[in-house]
Amino acid sequence: MPAAAQLDLDFDRPTRPVEGDARVDELIRLLADRGWTTGREIRIAQGWDERTIRALAAASDGQILSGQQGYKLTRQATPEEMQHATSWLESQAKEMSQRAGAIRRRWHAAR
């Protein structure tokens, strides 16, 4: 049986993008006049992983919206696309808030 391979794992969490991160501007330039662009297309063009792309969109101060079709500049979205993207985010926030409440209730009930 071959010896186990030594893996080089980097467990340091990369710096989370924040508003003003130069990569946000890079992403905005990439998305300009392209319409919906998939995460895969962005990964190929920029070499960023999906987590980074999502974080950059979140750090864009509302300039980038996301959805099942990928990423798009908010200023180029139709009213329907904007409504769908914001409703989806609000629905996720509601579900997460409900889960947090359930966890708190379970924890307190176990005490």
Protein backbone atom coordinates (compact mmCIF):
# COMPACT_ATOMS: atom_id res chain seq x y z
CA MET A 1 0.00 0.00 0.00
CA PRO A 2 1.49 3.42 -0.95
CA ALA A 3 2.42 5.89 1.76
CA ALA A 4 -0.15 8.55 2.46
CA ALA A 5 0.43 11.70 0.47
CA GLN A 6 1.31 14.82 2.43
CA LEU A 7 -1.24 17.52 1.77
CA ASP A 8 -0.34 21.16 1.94
CA LEU A 9 -3.47 22.74 3.37
CA ASP A 10 -3.84 26.41 4.06
CA PHE A 11 -6.43 26.90 6.77
CA ASP A 12 -5.90 30.63 7.05
CA ARG A 13 -9.10 32.31 6.01
CA PRO A 14 -8.46 34.71 3.13
CA THR A 15 -9.07 38.37 3.78
CA ARG A 16 -12.77 39.00 3.24
CA PRO A 17 -13.45 41.64 0.61
CA VAL A 18 -14.80 44.89 1.95
CA GLU A 19 -16.26 47.96 0.33
CA GLY A 20 -13.43 49.75 -1.44
CA ASP A 21 -11.55 46.51 -2.26
CA ALA A 22 -9.94 47.02 -5.69
CA ARG A 23 -11.29 43.62 -6.77
CA VAL A 24 -14.84 45.02 -6.50
CA ASP A 25 -13.94 47.55 -9.19
CA GLU A 26 -12.36 44.77 -11.28
CA LEU A 27 -15.57 42.77 -11.05
CA ILE A 28 -17.66 45.81 -11.98
CA ARG A 29 -15.47 46.41 -15.05
CA LEU A 30 -15.76 42.74 -16.01
CA LEU A 31 -19.56 42.82 -15.76
CA ALA A 32 -19.97 46.11 -17.64
CA ASP A 33 -22.22 45.69 -20.68
CA ARG A 34 -22.12 41.87 -20.46
CA GLY A 35 -25.49 41.14 -18.98
CA TRP A 36 -25.68 38.07 -16.78
CA THR A 37 -22.27 36.48 -16.23
CA THR A 38 -21.89 33.13 -14.51
CA GLY A 39 -19.58 32.50 -11.60
CA ARG A 40 -17.73 30.03 -13.82
CA GLU A 41 -17.06 32.73 -16.42
CA ILE A 42 -15.76 35.04 -13.70
CA ARG A 43 -13.57 32.27 -12.24
CA ILE A 44 -12.04 31.67 -15.67
CA ALA A 45 -11.48 35.38 -16.33
CA GLN A 46 -10.22 36.38 -12.88
CA GLY A 47 -9.11 33.20 -11.12
CA TRP A 48 -11.27 33.92 -8.07
CA ASP A 49 -13.16 31.17 -6.28
CA GLU A 50 -16.94 31.26 -5.89
CA ARG A 51 -16.77 32.38 -2.26
CA THR A 52 -14.62 35.37 -3.22
CA ILE A 53 -16.95 36.31 -6.07
CA ARG A 54 -19.98 36.22 -3.75
CA ALA A 55 -18.12 38.29 -1.16
CA LEU A 56 -17.07 40.85 -3.76
CA ALA A 57 -20.67 41.17 -4.96
CA ALA A 58 -21.74 41.66 -1.33
CA ALA A 59 -19.03 44.30 -0.83
CA SER A 60 -20.15 46.23 -3.91
CA ASP A 61 -22.58 48.41 -1.96
CA GLY A 62 -25.48 47.23 -4.13
CA GLN A 63 -23.72 47.74 -7.46
CA ILE A 64 -23.78 44.00 -8.27
CA LEU A 65 -26.78 41.73 -8.01
CA SER A 66 -26.72 37.98 -8.12
CA GLY A 67 -29.14 35.23 -8.93
CA GLN A 68 -29.48 31.84 -10.55
CA GLN A 69 -28.17 33.27 -13.81
CA GLY A 70 -24.99 34.59 -12.19
CA TYR A 71 -23.98 38.20 -11.61
CA LYS A 72 -25.05 41.44 -13.23
CA LEU A 73 -24.59 45.14 -12.65
CA THR A 74 -27.58 46.58 -10.83
CA ARG A 75 -27.66 49.62 -13.12
CA GLN A 76 -28.16 47.29 -16.10
CA ALA A 77 -30.89 45.16 -14.50
CA THR A 78 -34.51 45.32 -15.52
CA PRO A 79 -37.05 46.21 -12.82
CA GLU A 80 -38.10 42.54 -12.76
CA GLU A 81 -34.48 41.34 -12.30
CA MET A 82 -33.91 43.83 -9.51
CA GLN A 83 -37.14 42.81 -7.78
CA HIS A 84 -36.33 39.11 -8.09
CA ALA A 85 -32.80 39.54 -6.72
CA THR A 86 -33.87 41.64 -3.75
CA SER A 87 -36.83 39.39 -2.92
CA TRP A 88 -34.54 36.36 -2.97
CA LEU A 89 -32.09 38.04 -0.57
CA GLU A 90 -34.92 39.11 1.76
CA SER A 91 -36.30 35.57 1.74
CA GLN A 92 -32.89 34.15 2.63
CA ALA A 93 -32.52 36.68 5.44
CA LYS A 94 -35.93 35.72 6.84
CA GLU A 95 -35.07 32.00 6.75
CA MET A 96 -31.72 32.60 8.47
CA SER A 97 -33.37 34.74 11.14
CA GLN A 98 -35.96 32.03 11.80
CA ARG A 99 -33.22 29.41 12.09
CA ALA A 100 -31.27 31.61 14.52
CA GLY A 101 -34.40 31.99 16.65
CA ALA A 102 -34.97 28.23 16.66
CA ILE A 103 -31.38 27.61 17.74
CA ARG A 104 -31.72 30.15 20.58
CA ARG A 105 -34.99 28.56 21.74
CA ARG A 106 -33.45 25.06 21.73
CA TRP A 107 -30.40 26.24 23.64
CA HIS A 108 -32.46 28.04 26.28
CA ALA A 109 -34.87 25.08 26.61
CA ALA A 110 -31.91 22.75 27.28
CA ARG A 111 -30.77 24.85 30.23
